[in-house]
Amino acid sequence: MSKGTMTLQPALHRAQIELDKMPANAVILDSYGHAWQQGGTPGRGVASGYWYRAFGDDTEVSSFELAQRGPIKRMKV
């Protein structure tokens, strides 16, 4: 591992890959029961790479950060 480079353990890395493949507006639940929605361009299906809390506040995280809140459960695609 290079200095300053963070990596995920294999199971979490697979979760990040799965999150990155999800279409815009996909919804998942994290291990805490919080719902997250994939950011995207409405009508175009273009995913932004960021996930937003579906309720409660306006928290925004990357798929790398969200994978660490796993395991994740897909709710809607």
C-alpha atoms as a PDB file:
ATOM      1  CA  MET A   1       0.000   0.000   0.000  1.00  0.00           C
ATOM      2  CA  SER A   2       1.352   3.419  -0.932  1.00  0.00           C
ATOM      3  CA  LYS A   3       1.688   6.123   1.666  1.00  0.00           C
ATOM      4  CA  GLY A   4      -1.581   8.049   1.818  1.00  0.00           C
ATOM      5  CA  THR A   5      -3.564   5.418  -0.089  1.00  0.00           C
ATOM      6  CA  MET A   6      -6.527   3.825   1.657  1.00  0.00           C
ATOM      7  CA  THR A   7      -7.853   0.447   0.613  1.00  0.00           C
ATOM      8  CA  LEU A   8     -10.818  -1.620   1.696  1.00  0.00           C
ATOM      9  CA  GLN A   9     -10.833  -5.239   2.780  1.00  0.00           C
ATOM     10  CA  PRO A  10     -12.088  -7.523  -0.047  1.00  0.00           C
ATOM     11  CA  ALA A  11     -15.750  -7.763   1.089  1.00  0.00           C
ATOM     12  CA  LEU A  12     -16.040  -3.982   1.419  1.00  0.00           C
ATOM     13  CA  HIS A  13     -14.248  -3.456  -1.884  1.00  0.00           C
ATOM     14  CA  ARG A  14     -16.862  -5.698  -3.573  1.00  0.00           C
ATOM     15  CA  ALA A  15     -19.597  -3.609  -1.912  1.00  0.00           C
ATOM     16  CA  GLN A  16     -18.033  -0.430  -3.326  1.00  0.00           C
ATOM     17  CA  ILE A  17     -17.948  -1.959  -6.807  1.00  0.00           C
ATOM     18  CA  GLU A  18     -21.625  -2.945  -6.453  1.00  0.00           C
ATOM     19  CA  LEU A  19     -22.512   0.595  -5.319  1.00  0.00           C
ATOM     20  CA  ASP A  20     -20.621   2.119  -8.258  1.00  0.00           C
ATOM     21  CA  LYS A  21     -22.537  -0.078 -10.718  1.00  0.00           C
ATOM     22  CA  MET A  22     -25.966   0.953  -9.422  1.00  0.00           C
ATOM     23  CA  PRO A  23     -27.986   3.329 -11.590  1.00  0.00           C
ATOM     24  CA  ALA A  24     -28.939   6.878 -10.675  1.00  0.00           C
ATOM     25  CA  ASN A  25     -31.629   7.075  -7.990  1.00  0.00           C
ATOM     26  CA  ALA A  26     -30.985   3.529  -6.665  1.00  0.00           C
ATOM     27  CA  VAL A  27     -31.830   3.205  -2.955  1.00  0.00           C
ATOM     28  CA  ILE A  28     -29.982   1.063  -0.397  1.00  0.00           C
ATOM     29  CA  LEU A  29     -30.073   0.497   3.349  1.00  0.00           C
ATOM     30  CA  ASP A  30     -26.827   0.470   5.317  1.00  0.00           C
ATOM     31  CA  SER A  31     -26.105  -1.681   8.366  1.00  0.00           C
ATOM     32  CA  TYR A  32     -27.600   1.011  10.619  1.00  0.00           C
ATOM     33  CA  GLY A  33     -30.938   0.978   8.745  1.00  0.00           C
ATOM     34  CA  HIS A  34     -30.309   4.357   7.099  1.00  0.00           C
ATOM     35  CA  ALA A  35     -31.619   4.770   3.558  1.00  0.00           C
ATOM     36  CA  TRP A  36     -29.266   6.234   0.936  1.00  0.00           C
ATOM     37  CA  GLN A  37     -30.087   7.284  -2.632  1.00  0.00           C
ATOM     38  CA  GLN A  38     -27.617   7.382  -5.521  1.00  0.00           C
ATOM     39  CA  GLY A  39     -27.271  10.896  -6.847  1.00  0.00           C
ATOM     40  CA  GLY A  40     -27.824  11.285 -10.555  1.00  0.00           C
ATOM     41  CA  THR A  41     -29.220  13.349 -13.352  1.00  0.00           C
ATOM     42  CA  PRO A  42     -33.014  12.858 -13.422  1.00  0.00           C
ATOM     43  CA  GLY A  43     -34.259  11.478 -16.716  1.00  0.00           C
ATOM     44  CA  ARG A  44     -30.751  10.680 -17.936  1.00  0.00           C
ATOM     45  CA  GLY A  45     -29.867   7.852 -15.539  1.00  0.00           C
ATOM     46  CA  VAL A  46     -26.364   9.210 -15.051  1.00  0.00           C
ATOM     47  CA  ALA A  47     -24.971   8.339 -11.616  1.00  0.00           C
ATOM     48  CA  SER A  48     -22.907  11.015  -9.874  1.00  0.00           C
ATOM     49  CA  GLY A  49     -20.820   8.700  -7.685  1.00  0.00           C
ATOM     50  CA  TYR A  50     -22.256  10.257  -4.525  1.00  0.00           C
ATOM     51  CA  TRP A  51     -24.941   8.956  -2.209  1.00  0.00           C
ATOM     52  CA  TYR A  52     -27.355  11.141  -0.242  1.00  0.00           C
ATOM     53  CA  ARG A  53     -29.286  10.399   2.950  1.00  0.00           C
ATOM     54  CA  ALA A  54     -32.853   9.683   1.883  1.00  0.00           C
ATOM     55  CA  PHE A  55     -34.238  11.297   5.051  1.00  0.00           C
ATOM     56  CA  GLY A  56     -33.161  13.168   8.156  1.00  0.00           C
ATOM     57  CA  ASP A  57     -30.415  15.440   6.867  1.00  0.00           C
ATOM     58  CA  ASP A  58     -28.428  16.343   3.772  1.00  0.00           C
ATOM     59  CA  THR A  59     -25.402  14.096   4.377  1.00  0.00           C
ATOM     60  CA  GLU A  60     -23.485  13.192   1.199  1.00  0.00           C
ATOM     61  CA  VAL A  61     -20.907  10.378   0.994  1.00  0.00           C
ATOM     62  CA  SER A  62     -18.883   8.627  -1.692  1.00  0.00           C
ATOM     63  CA  SER A  63     -19.330   4.947  -2.516  1.00  0.00           C
ATOM     64  CA  PHE A  64     -16.003   4.316  -0.711  1.00  0.00           C
ATOM     65  CA  GLU A  65     -17.421   5.794   2.502  1.00  0.00           C
ATOM     66  CA  LEU A  66     -20.801   4.100   2.113  1.00  0.00           C
ATOM     67  CA  ALA A  67     -19.226   0.669   1.543  1.00  0.00           C
ATOM     68  CA  GLN A  68     -17.738   0.964   5.034  1.00  0.00           C
ATOM     69  CA  ARG A  69     -21.274   1.222   6.463  1.00  0.00           C
ATOM     70  CA  GLY A  70     -22.090  -2.234   5.062  1.00  0.00           C
ATOM     71  CA  PRO A  71     -23.365  -4.701   4.628  1.00  0.00           C
ATOM     72  CA  ILE A  72     -25.755  -2.935   2.299  1.00  0.00           C
ATOM     73  CA  LYS A  73     -29.192  -4.038   1.144  1.00  0.00           C
ATOM     74  CA  ARG A  74     -30.535  -2.927  -2.233  1.00  0.00           C
ATOM     75  CA  MET A  75     -34.072  -1.540  -1.971  1.00  0.00           C
ATOM     76  CA  LYS A  76     -34.785  -0.050  -5.400  1.00  0.00           C
ATOM     77  CA  VAL A  77     -33.012   0.186  -8.748  1.00  0.00           C
END
